[in-house]
Amino acid sequence: MSESLDLSAALRIAETAARRAADLVLPHFRSVKLKVLRKSATDLVTEADRRSEALIAELLLRAYPDHALIGEEGGEQGAAAAPYRWHIDPLDGTTNFARGIPYFAISLALSDAQNVPLLGLVYDPVHEECFKAVRGGGAWLGRKKLRVSRTRKLADALLASGFPHDKRVNPDNNTEEWACFVPRTQSVRRIGSAALELCYVAAGRLDGYWEARVQTWDVLAGLLMVEESGGRLSNYRGGSEGVYDGAQIVASNGRIHEEMLEVLVLGAAAPRPRA
């Protein structure tokens, strides 16, 4: 399907949209006038998120009016039965942004109708890092081709993960998995942006990542980065089901993947507190 679409041209359009959105967002960073709203007790949204997504959606639909758009703030737009879908996170890491923590990104992915990512772009405007990937064409940071790390043992690995937005009410909230990983690794980080965490796996800065119940706009671009940099993806059982839908994700350099799956089995078996 992707053969009929110029992915290189689509990637250039995505980068233009992301950089223009960053120009809109950055003046609000650490601004005392930033308006922060709550979508839930633990999920924030700012006016910058909404304006960023509106701009990106306008630019993408202008270039590809027959595509569908799925955005964190605006929901679904465009052609309902489109063969291509754009997955837009206009500000991944909103809590960091709202708190003045300089780790957030604009994440764009183009997938087929089954959510298989064809291209991905993650732009960190604070550190001026633009991660890009095209299926079959590698993953890049500027002119540097990305490769996963060579860490071979989980005990030497630096991992990352997060927590679901319903962590206060859902006992399946990843805390048991964290408890299992922490003593078995070098360390575990929570950067606060799934898109950046996956890019860091692709770049060899992190060795692995796991998380469940995330949205496609959070992870599709980063998942393609990991694949194209030589990493491995799976669900918690080692299969492929649900990975591109965000149901369960294990992303690693490949060398520590089986050990990560073993730890996730321990986490799944741990008793959960009642909600």
C-alpha atoms as a PDB file:
ATOM      1  CA  MET A   1       0.000   0.000   0.000  1.00  0.00           C
ATOM      2  CA  SER A   2       2.788   2.418   0.917  1.00  0.00           C
ATOM      3  CA  GLU A   3       4.248   2.031  -2.603  1.00  0.00           C
ATOM      4  CA  SER A   4       1.555   4.379  -3.969  1.00  0.00           C
ATOM      5  CA  LEU A   5       2.462   7.082  -1.459  1.00  0.00           C
ATOM      6  CA  ASP A   6       5.724   9.032  -1.487  1.00  0.00           C
ATOM      7  CA  LEU A   7       6.819   8.455   2.104  1.00  0.00           C
ATOM      8  CA  SER A   8       9.829  10.748   1.791  1.00  0.00           C
ATOM      9  CA  ALA A   9       7.560  13.611   0.757  1.00  0.00           C
ATOM     10  CA  ALA A  10       5.119  12.754   3.542  1.00  0.00           C
ATOM     11  CA  LEU A  11       7.967  12.813   6.051  1.00  0.00           C
ATOM     12  CA  ARG A  12       9.027  16.269   4.874  1.00  0.00           C
ATOM     13  CA  ILE A  13       5.465  17.526   5.299  1.00  0.00           C
ATOM     14  CA  ALA A  14       5.303  15.967   8.764  1.00  0.00           C
ATOM     15  CA  GLU A  15       8.541  17.678   9.766  1.00  0.00           C
ATOM     16  CA  THR A  16       7.294  21.031   8.512  1.00  0.00           C
ATOM     17  CA  ALA A  17       4.092  20.586  10.515  1.00  0.00           C
ATOM     18  CA  ALA A  18       5.982  19.566  13.662  1.00  0.00           C
ATOM     19  CA  ARG A  19       8.409  22.466  13.469  1.00  0.00           C
ATOM     20  CA  ARG A  20       5.638  24.977  12.882  1.00  0.00           C
ATOM     21  CA  ALA A  21       3.734  23.536  15.821  1.00  0.00           C
ATOM     22  CA  ALA A  22       6.861  23.830  17.959  1.00  0.00           C
ATOM     23  CA  ASP A  23       7.140  27.508  17.043  1.00  0.00           C
ATOM     24  CA  LEU A  24       3.602  27.888  18.362  1.00  0.00           C
ATOM     25  CA  VAL A  25       4.148  25.828  21.525  1.00  0.00           C
ATOM     26  CA  LEU A  26       7.543  26.985  22.785  1.00  0.00           C
ATOM     27  CA  PRO A  27       6.544  30.558  23.711  1.00  0.00           C
ATOM     28  CA  HIS A  28       4.097  29.010  26.210  1.00  0.00           C
ATOM     29  CA  PHE A  29       6.775  26.890  27.903  1.00  0.00           C
ATOM     30  CA  ARG A  30       7.432  28.160  31.435  1.00  0.00           C
ATOM     31  CA  SER A  31       5.006  31.011  30.824  1.00  0.00           C
ATOM     32  CA  VAL A  32       3.115  32.251  33.873  1.00  0.00           C
ATOM     33  CA  LYS A  33       0.142  32.791  31.554  1.00  0.00           C
ATOM     34  CA  LEU A  34      -0.077  29.139  30.487  1.00  0.00           C
ATOM     35  CA  LYS A  35      -3.635  27.855  30.980  1.00  0.00           C
ATOM     36  CA  VAL A  36      -3.683  24.266  32.257  1.00  0.00           C
ATOM     37  CA  LEU A  37      -6.880  22.200  32.310  1.00  0.00           C
ATOM     38  CA  ARG A  38      -7.611  18.704  33.590  1.00  0.00           C
ATOM     39  CA  LYS A  39      -9.061  15.960  31.413  1.00  0.00           C
ATOM     40  CA  SER A  40      -9.023  13.760  34.524  1.00  0.00           C
ATOM     41  CA  ALA A  41      -7.454  13.775  37.979  1.00  0.00           C
ATOM     42  CA  THR A  42      -4.090  12.760  36.516  1.00  0.00           C
ATOM     43  CA  ASP A  43      -4.297  13.845  32.854  1.00  0.00           C
ATOM     44  CA  LEU A  44      -3.575  17.450  31.900  1.00  0.00           C
ATOM     45  CA  VAL A  45      -4.145  19.450  28.739  1.00  0.00           C
ATOM     46  CA  THR A  46      -3.029  22.971  27.888  1.00  0.00           C
ATOM     47  CA  GLU A  47      -4.129  25.489  25.322  1.00  0.00           C
ATOM     48  CA  ALA A  48      -0.771  24.834  23.644  1.00  0.00           C
ATOM     49  CA  ASP A  49      -1.768  21.171  23.060  1.00  0.00           C
ATOM     50  CA  ARG A  50      -4.977  22.173  21.339  1.00  0.00           C
ATOM     51  CA  ARG A  51      -3.499  24.911  19.185  1.00  0.00           C
ATOM     52  CA  SER A  52      -0.619  22.655  18.178  1.00  0.00           C
ATOM     53  CA  GLU A  53      -2.939  19.852  17.079  1.00  0.00           C
ATOM     54  CA  ALA A  54      -5.206  22.219  15.161  1.00  0.00           C
ATOM     55  CA  LEU A  55      -2.228  23.563  13.217  1.00  0.00           C
ATOM     56  CA  ILE A  56      -0.823  20.112  12.465  1.00  0.00           C
ATOM     57  CA  ALA A  57      -4.226  18.794  11.381  1.00  0.00           C
ATOM     58  CA  GLU A  58      -4.752  21.749   9.066  1.00  0.00           C
ATOM     59  CA  LEU A  59      -1.384  21.250   7.360  1.00  0.00           C
ATOM     60  CA  LEU A  60      -1.743  17.480   6.992  1.00  0.00           C
ATOM     61  CA  LEU A  61      -5.305  17.588   5.661  1.00  0.00           C
ATOM     62  CA  ARG A  62      -4.334  20.291   3.215  1.00  0.00           C
ATOM     63  CA  ALA A  63      -1.625  17.991   1.833  1.00  0.00           C
ATOM     64  CA  TYR A  64      -3.599  14.741   2.192  1.00  0.00           C
ATOM     65  CA  PRO A  65      -7.359  15.413   2.191  1.00  0.00           C
ATOM     66  CA  ASP A  66      -8.103  11.715   1.618  1.00  0.00           C
ATOM     67  CA  HIS A  67      -6.253  10.615   4.773  1.00  0.00           C
ATOM     68  CA  ALA A  68      -7.670  10.092   8.263  1.00  0.00           C
ATOM     69  CA  LEU A  69      -6.323  11.916  11.311  1.00  0.00           C
ATOM     70  CA  ILE A  70      -6.406  10.578  14.867  1.00  0.00           C
ATOM     71  CA  GLY A  71      -5.348  13.137  17.435  1.00  0.00           C
ATOM     72  CA  GLU A  72      -5.089  13.179  21.205  1.00  0.00           C
ATOM     73  CA  GLU A  73      -7.150  16.334  21.565  1.00  0.00           C
ATOM     74  CA  GLY A  74      -9.269  16.484  18.412  1.00  0.00           C
ATOM     75  CA  GLY A  75     -10.277  12.859  17.969  1.00  0.00           C
ATOM     76  CA  GLU A  76     -10.790  11.534  14.445  1.00  0.00           C
ATOM     77  CA  GLN A  77     -10.914  13.774  11.386  1.00  0.00           C
ATOM     78  CA  GLY A  78     -10.748  13.302   7.640  1.00  0.00           C
ATOM     79  CA  ALA A  79     -11.882  10.331   5.574  1.00  0.00           C
ATOM     80  CA  ALA A  80     -13.418   7.631   7.789  1.00  0.00           C
ATOM     81  CA  ALA A  81     -12.446   4.713   5.527  1.00  0.00           C
ATOM     82  CA  ALA A  82      -9.064   6.100   4.505  1.00  0.00           C
ATOM     83  CA  PRO A  83      -6.241   3.672   3.674  1.00  0.00           C
ATOM     84  CA  TYR A  84      -3.799   5.909   5.572  1.00  0.00           C
ATOM     85  CA  ARG A  85      -4.014   7.342   9.079  1.00  0.00           C
ATOM     86  CA  TRP A  86      -2.033  10.091  10.768  1.00  0.00           C
ATOM     87  CA  HIS A  87      -1.618   9.649  14.523  1.00  0.00           C
ATOM     88  CA  ILE A  88      -0.934  13.006  16.163  1.00  0.00           C
ATOM     89  CA  ASP A  89       0.294  13.789  19.647  1.00  0.00           C
ATOM     90  CA  PRO A  90       0.681  17.570  19.556  1.00  0.00           C
ATOM     91  CA  LEU A  91       2.493  17.632  22.897  1.00  0.00           C
ATOM     92  CA  ASP A  92       3.616  14.308  24.329  1.00  0.00           C
ATOM     93  CA  GLY A  93       4.676  15.038  27.880  1.00  0.00           C
ATOM     94  CA  THR A  94       2.067  17.659  28.727  1.00  0.00           C
ATOM     95  CA  THR A  95       2.657  17.366  32.475  1.00  0.00           C
ATOM     96  CA  ASN A  96       6.366  18.019  31.957  1.00  0.00           C
ATOM     97  CA  PHE A  97       5.507  20.993  29.753  1.00  0.00           C
ATOM     98  CA  ALA A  98       3.042  22.403  32.281  1.00  0.00           C
ATOM     99  CA  ARG A  99       5.553  21.991  35.111  1.00  0.00           C
ATOM    100  CA  GLY A 100       8.458  23.547  33.236  1.00  0.00           C
ATOM    101  CA  ILE A 101      10.338  20.254  32.801  1.00  0.00           C
ATOM    102  CA  PRO A 102      12.143  20.295  29.418  1.00  0.00           C
ATOM    103  CA  TYR A 103      11.202  16.814  28.195  1.00  0.00           C
ATOM    104  CA  PHE A 104       8.275  16.821  25.791  1.00  0.00           C
ATOM    105  CA  ALA A 105       7.851  16.262  22.074  1.00  0.00           C
ATOM    106  CA  ILE A 106       5.585  16.521  19.069  1.00  0.00           C
ATOM    107  CA  SER A 107       4.952  13.035  17.696  1.00  0.00           C
ATOM    108  CA  LEU A 108       3.519  12.203  14.263  1.00  0.00           C
ATOM    109  CA  ALA A 109       3.099   8.793  12.669  1.00  0.00           C
ATOM    110  CA  LEU A 110       1.547   7.691   9.388  1.00  0.00           C
ATOM    111  CA  SER A 111       0.117   4.180   9.386  1.00  0.00           C
ATOM    112  CA  ASP A 112      -1.941   1.947   7.173  1.00  0.00           C
ATOM    113  CA  ALA A 113      -5.530   1.099   8.123  1.00  0.00           C
ATOM    114  CA  GLN A 114      -4.298  -1.636  10.500  1.00  0.00           C
ATOM    115  CA  ASN A 115      -2.112   0.834  12.440  1.00  0.00           C
ATOM    116  CA  VAL A 116       1.147  -0.528  11.035  1.00  0.00           C
ATOM    117  CA  PRO A 117       3.418   2.545  11.060  1.00  0.00           C
ATOM    118  CA  LEU A 118       4.940   3.562   7.737  1.00  0.00           C
ATOM    119  CA  LEU A 119       6.753   6.678   8.891  1.00  0.00           C
ATOM    120  CA  GLY A 120       7.360   8.390  12.186  1.00  0.00           C
ATOM    121  CA  LEU A 121       8.663  11.727  13.383  1.00  0.00           C
ATOM    122  CA  VAL A 122       9.316  12.827  16.965  1.00  0.00           C
ATOM    123  CA  TYR A 123      10.520  16.391  17.469  1.00  0.00           C
ATOM    124  CA  ASP A 124      11.953  17.595  20.777  1.00  0.00           C
ATOM    125  CA  PRO A 125      12.018  21.375  20.328  1.00  0.00           C
ATOM    126  CA  VAL A 126      13.875  22.172  23.562  1.00  0.00           C
ATOM    127  CA  HIS A 127      16.901  20.046  22.687  1.00  0.00           C
ATOM    128  CA  GLU A 128      16.475  20.536  18.918  1.00  0.00           C
ATOM    129  CA  GLU A 129      16.357  16.799  18.255  1.00  0.00           C
ATOM    130  CA  CYS A 130      14.252  15.515  15.378  1.00  0.00           C
ATOM    131  CA  PHE A 131      13.990  11.724  15.219  1.00  0.00           C
ATOM    132  CA  LYS A 132      12.745  10.337  11.900  1.00  0.00           C
ATOM    133  CA  ALA A 133      12.026   6.884  10.508  1.00  0.00           C
ATOM    134  CA  VAL A 134      10.570   5.384   7.332  1.00  0.00           C
ATOM    135  CA  ARG A 135       9.690   1.709   7.140  1.00  0.00           C
ATOM    136  CA  GLY A 136      12.529  -0.021   5.337  1.00  0.00           C
ATOM    137  CA  GLY A 137      14.605   3.162   5.303  1.00  0.00           C
ATOM    138  CA  GLY A 138      16.116   3.236   8.776  1.00  0.00           C
ATOM    139  CA  ALA A 139      15.778   5.615  11.698  1.00  0.00           C
ATOM    140  CA  TRP A 140      17.748   8.834  11.919  1.00  0.00           C
ATOM    141  CA  LEU A 141      18.616  11.723  14.210  1.00  0.00           C
ATOM    142  CA  GLY A 142      19.818  14.404  11.851  1.00  0.00           C
ATOM    143  CA  ARG A 143      22.387  12.669   9.644  1.00  0.00           C
ATOM    144  CA  LYS A 144      23.168  10.010  12.233  1.00  0.00           C
ATOM    145  CA  LYS A 145      21.619   6.610  11.657  1.00  0.00           C
ATOM    146  CA  LEU A 146      20.182   5.233  14.872  1.00  0.00           C
ATOM    147  CA  ARG A 147      21.206   1.872  16.310  1.00  0.00           C
ATOM    148  CA  VAL A 148      20.031   0.223  19.495  1.00  0.00           C
ATOM    149  CA  SER A 149      22.467  -0.461  22.326  1.00  0.00           C
ATOM    150  CA  ARG A 150      24.611  -3.568  22.671  1.00  0.00           C
ATOM    151  CA  THR A 151      23.776  -4.198  26.335  1.00  0.00           C
ATOM    152  CA  ARG A 152      23.447  -7.955  26.755  1.00  0.00           C
ATOM    153  CA  LYS A 153      22.286  -8.427  30.344  1.00  0.00           C
ATOM    154  CA  LEU A 154      19.201  -7.060  32.041  1.00  0.00           C
ATOM    155  CA  ALA A 155      21.300  -6.426  35.151  1.00  0.00           C
ATOM    156  CA  ASP A 156      23.291  -3.848  33.145  1.00  0.00           C
ATOM    157  CA  ALA A 157      20.272  -2.327  31.400  1.00  0.00           C
ATOM    158  CA  LEU A 158      18.692   1.098  31.764  1.00  0.00           C
ATOM    159  CA  LEU A 159      14.944   0.882  31.135  1.00  0.00           C
ATOM    160  CA  ALA A 160      12.004   3.267  31.003  1.00  0.00           C
ATOM    161  CA  SER A 161       8.275   2.973  31.528  1.00  0.00           C
ATOM    162  CA  GLY A 162       5.285   4.959  32.705  1.00  0.00           C
ATOM    163  CA  PHE A 163       1.936   4.622  34.428  1.00  0.00           C
ATOM    164  CA  PRO A 164      -1.596   4.621  32.962  1.00  0.00           C
ATOM    165  CA  HIS A 165      -3.846   7.632  33.440  1.00  0.00           C
ATOM    166  CA  ASP A 166      -6.270   5.493  35.463  1.00  0.00           C
ATOM    167  CA  LYS A 167      -3.579   4.399  37.911  1.00  0.00           C
ATOM    168  CA  ARG A 168      -5.540   5.619  40.941  1.00  0.00           C
ATOM    169  CA  VAL A 169      -8.552   3.410  40.270  1.00  0.00           C
ATOM    170  CA  ASN A 170      -7.199   0.475  38.233  1.00  0.00           C
ATOM    171  CA  PRO A 171      -5.115  -2.036  40.220  1.00  0.00           C
ATOM    172  CA  ASP A 172      -3.405  -3.098  36.978  1.00  0.00           C
ATOM    173  CA  ASN A 173      -1.352   0.102  37.072  1.00  0.00           C
ATOM    174  CA  ASN A 174       2.211  -1.093  36.361  1.00  0.00           C
ATOM    175  CA  THR A 175       3.460  -0.645  39.935  1.00  0.00           C
ATOM    176  CA  GLU A 176       4.089  -4.374  40.400  1.00  0.00           C
ATOM    177  CA  GLU A 177       6.043  -4.509  37.152  1.00  0.00           C
ATOM    178  CA  TRP A 178       8.174  -1.568  38.302  1.00  0.00           C
ATOM    179  CA  ALA A 179       8.792  -3.334  41.603  1.00  0.00           C
ATOM    180  CA  CYS A 180      10.006  -6.409  39.727  1.00  0.00           C
ATOM    181  CA  PHE A 181      12.264  -4.533  37.297  1.00  0.00           C
ATOM    182  CA  VAL A 182      13.958  -2.093  39.691  1.00  0.00           C
ATOM    183  CA  PRO A 183      16.116  -4.626  41.598  1.00  0.00           C
ATOM    184  CA  ARG A 184      16.950  -6.558  38.411  1.00  0.00           C
ATOM    185  CA  THR A 185      18.312  -3.693  36.278  1.00  0.00           C
ATOM    186  CA  GLN A 186      20.895  -0.936  36.416  1.00  0.00           C
ATOM    187  CA  SER A 187      17.959   1.435  36.874  1.00  0.00           C
ATOM    188  CA  VAL A 188      14.533   2.402  35.561  1.00  0.00           C
ATOM    189  CA  ARG A 189      13.532   5.880  34.412  1.00  0.00           C
ATOM    190  CA  ARG A 190      10.241   7.633  33.866  1.00  0.00           C
ATOM    191  CA  ILE A 191      10.941  10.485  31.467  1.00  0.00           C
ATOM    192  CA  GLY A 192       7.276  11.366  31.075  1.00  0.00           C
ATOM    193  CA  SER A 193       7.063  11.095  27.285  1.00  0.00           C
ATOM    194  CA  ALA A 194       6.551   7.665  25.736  1.00  0.00           C
ATOM    195  CA  ALA A 195       7.551   9.029  22.335  1.00  0.00           C
ATOM    196  CA  LEU A 196      10.925  10.209  23.632  1.00  0.00           C
ATOM    197  CA  GLU A 197      11.496   7.058  25.676  1.00  0.00           C
ATOM    198  CA  LEU A 198      11.070   4.912  22.560  1.00  0.00           C
ATOM    199  CA  CYS A 199      13.350   7.198  20.556  1.00  0.00           C
ATOM    200  CA  TYR A 200      15.947   6.862  23.301  1.00  0.00           C
ATOM    201  CA  VAL A 201      15.740   3.066  22.973  1.00  0.00           C
ATOM    202  CA  ALA A 202      16.267   3.452  19.230  1.00  0.00           C
ATOM    203  CA  ALA A 203      19.255   5.737  19.836  1.00  0.00           C
ATOM    204  CA  GLY A 204      20.868   3.389  22.362  1.00  0.00           C
ATOM    205  CA  ARG A 205      20.406   5.791  25.272  1.00  0.00           C
ATOM    206  CA  LEU A 206      17.996   3.348  26.884  1.00  0.00           C
ATOM    207  CA  ASP A 207      18.080  -0.419  26.525  1.00  0.00           C
ATOM    208  CA  GLY A 208      14.375  -1.161  26.835  1.00  0.00           C
ATOM    209  CA  TYR A 209      10.869   0.098  27.497  1.00  0.00           C
ATOM    210  CA  TRP A 210       7.605  -1.501  28.547  1.00  0.00           C
ATOM    211  CA  GLU A 211       4.101  -0.151  29.029  1.00  0.00           C
ATOM    212  CA  ALA A 212       0.451  -1.137  28.580  1.00  0.00           C
ATOM    213  CA  ARG A 213      -2.742   0.672  27.635  1.00  0.00           C
ATOM    214  CA  VAL A 214      -1.176   3.561  25.764  1.00  0.00           C
ATOM    215  CA  GLN A 215      -2.628   5.361  22.752  1.00  0.00           C
ATOM    216  CA  THR A 216      -1.423   5.005  19.184  1.00  0.00           C
ATOM    217  CA  TRP A 217      -0.521   8.686  18.978  1.00  0.00           C
ATOM    218  CA  ASP A 218       1.808   8.215  21.963  1.00  0.00           C
ATOM    219  CA  VAL A 219       3.838   5.344  20.575  1.00  0.00           C
ATOM    220  CA  LEU A 220       3.501   4.546  16.858  1.00  0.00           C
ATOM    221  CA  ALA A 221       6.271   6.888  15.719  1.00  0.00           C
ATOM    222  CA  GLY A 222       8.610   5.651  18.437  1.00  0.00           C
ATOM    223  CA  LEU A 223       7.823   1.996  17.776  1.00  0.00           C
ATOM    224  CA  LEU A 224       8.905   2.403  14.167  1.00  0.00           C
ATOM    225  CA  MET A 225      12.126   4.077  15.385  1.00  0.00           C
ATOM    226  CA  VAL A 226      12.933   1.007  17.480  1.00  0.00           C
ATOM    227  CA  GLU A 227      12.190  -1.395  14.638  1.00  0.00           C
ATOM    228  CA  GLU A 228      14.230   0.546  12.111  1.00  0.00           C
ATOM    229  CA  SER A 229      17.193   0.859  14.485  1.00  0.00           C
ATOM    230  CA  GLY A 230      17.491  -2.899  14.888  1.00  0.00           C
ATOM    231  CA  GLY A 231      15.418  -3.358  18.037  1.00  0.00           C
ATOM    232  CA  ARG A 232      12.666  -5.798  18.874  1.00  0.00           C
ATOM    233  CA  LEU A 233       8.982  -5.245  19.664  1.00  0.00           C
ATOM    234  CA  SER A 234       6.464  -7.571  21.256  1.00  0.00           C
ATOM    235  CA  ASN A 235       3.593  -7.769  23.689  1.00  0.00           C
ATOM    236  CA  TYR A 236       4.155  -9.079  27.218  1.00  0.00           C
ATOM    237  CA  ARG A 237       3.908 -12.681  25.979  1.00  0.00           C
ATOM    238  CA  GLY A 238       6.454 -12.241  23.220  1.00  0.00           C
ATOM    239  CA  GLY A 239       3.904 -12.058  20.387  1.00  0.00           C
ATOM    240  CA  SER A 240       2.862  -9.226  18.106  1.00  0.00           C
ATOM    241  CA  GLU A 241      -0.839  -8.906  18.931  1.00  0.00           C
ATOM    242  CA  GLY A 242      -1.818  -5.521  20.340  1.00  0.00           C
ATOM    243  CA  VAL A 243       1.582  -3.865  19.985  1.00  0.00           C
ATOM    244  CA  TYR A 244       0.634  -1.298  17.333  1.00  0.00           C
ATOM    245  CA  ASP A 245      -2.666  -0.660  19.115  1.00  0.00           C
ATOM    246  CA  GLY A 246      -0.822   0.204  22.342  1.00  0.00           C
ATOM    247  CA  ALA A 247      -2.387  -2.615  24.382  1.00  0.00           C
ATOM    248  CA  GLN A 248       0.957  -4.033  25.538  1.00  0.00           C
ATOM    249  CA  ILE A 249       4.425  -2.972  24.451  1.00  0.00           C
ATOM    250  CA  VAL A 250       7.884  -4.311  25.119  1.00  0.00           C
ATOM    251  CA  ALA A 251      10.549  -2.500  23.079  1.00  0.00           C
ATOM    252  CA  SER A 252      14.198  -3.371  23.496  1.00  0.00           C
ATOM    253  CA  ASN A 253      17.588  -3.686  21.877  1.00  0.00           C
ATOM    254  CA  GLY A 254      16.669  -7.342  21.320  1.00  0.00           C
ATOM    255  CA  ARG A 255      19.489  -8.697  23.460  1.00  0.00           C
ATOM    256  CA  ILE A 256      17.648  -8.242  26.771  1.00  0.00           C
ATOM    257  CA  HIS A 257      14.163  -8.903  25.422  1.00  0.00           C
ATOM    258  CA  GLU A 258      13.683 -12.427  26.756  1.00  0.00           C
ATOM    259  CA  GLU A 259      14.825 -11.364  30.221  1.00  0.00           C
ATOM    260  CA  MET A 260      12.347  -8.490  30.145  1.00  0.00           C
ATOM    261  CA  LEU A 261       9.545 -10.902  29.258  1.00  0.00           C
ATOM    262  CA  GLU A 262      10.518 -13.148  32.168  1.00  0.00           C
ATOM    263  CA  VAL A 263      10.281 -10.220  34.590  1.00  0.00           C
ATOM    264  CA  LEU A 264       6.892  -9.226  33.179  1.00  0.00           C
ATOM    265  CA  VAL A 265       5.635 -12.732  33.962  1.00  0.00           C
ATOM    266  CA  LEU A 266       6.655 -12.135  37.579  1.00  0.00           C
ATOM    267  CA  GLY A 267       4.888  -8.784  37.559  1.00  0.00           C
ATOM    268  CA  ALA A 268       1.699 -10.303  36.175  1.00  0.00           C
ATOM    269  CA  ALA A 269       1.711 -12.944  38.907  1.00  0.00           C
ATOM    270  CA  ALA A 270       2.123 -10.441  41.743  1.00  0.00           C
ATOM    271  CA  PRO A 271      -1.002  -9.814  43.851  1.00  0.00           C
ATOM    272  CA  ARG A 272      -2.891  -6.602  43.110  1.00  0.00           C
ATOM    273  CA  PRO A 273      -4.509  -4.397  45.739  1.00  0.00           C
ATOM    274  CA  ARG A 274      -8.252  -4.022  45.409  1.00  0.00           C
ATOM    275  CA  ALA A 275      -9.339  -0.919  43.511  1.00  0.00           C
END
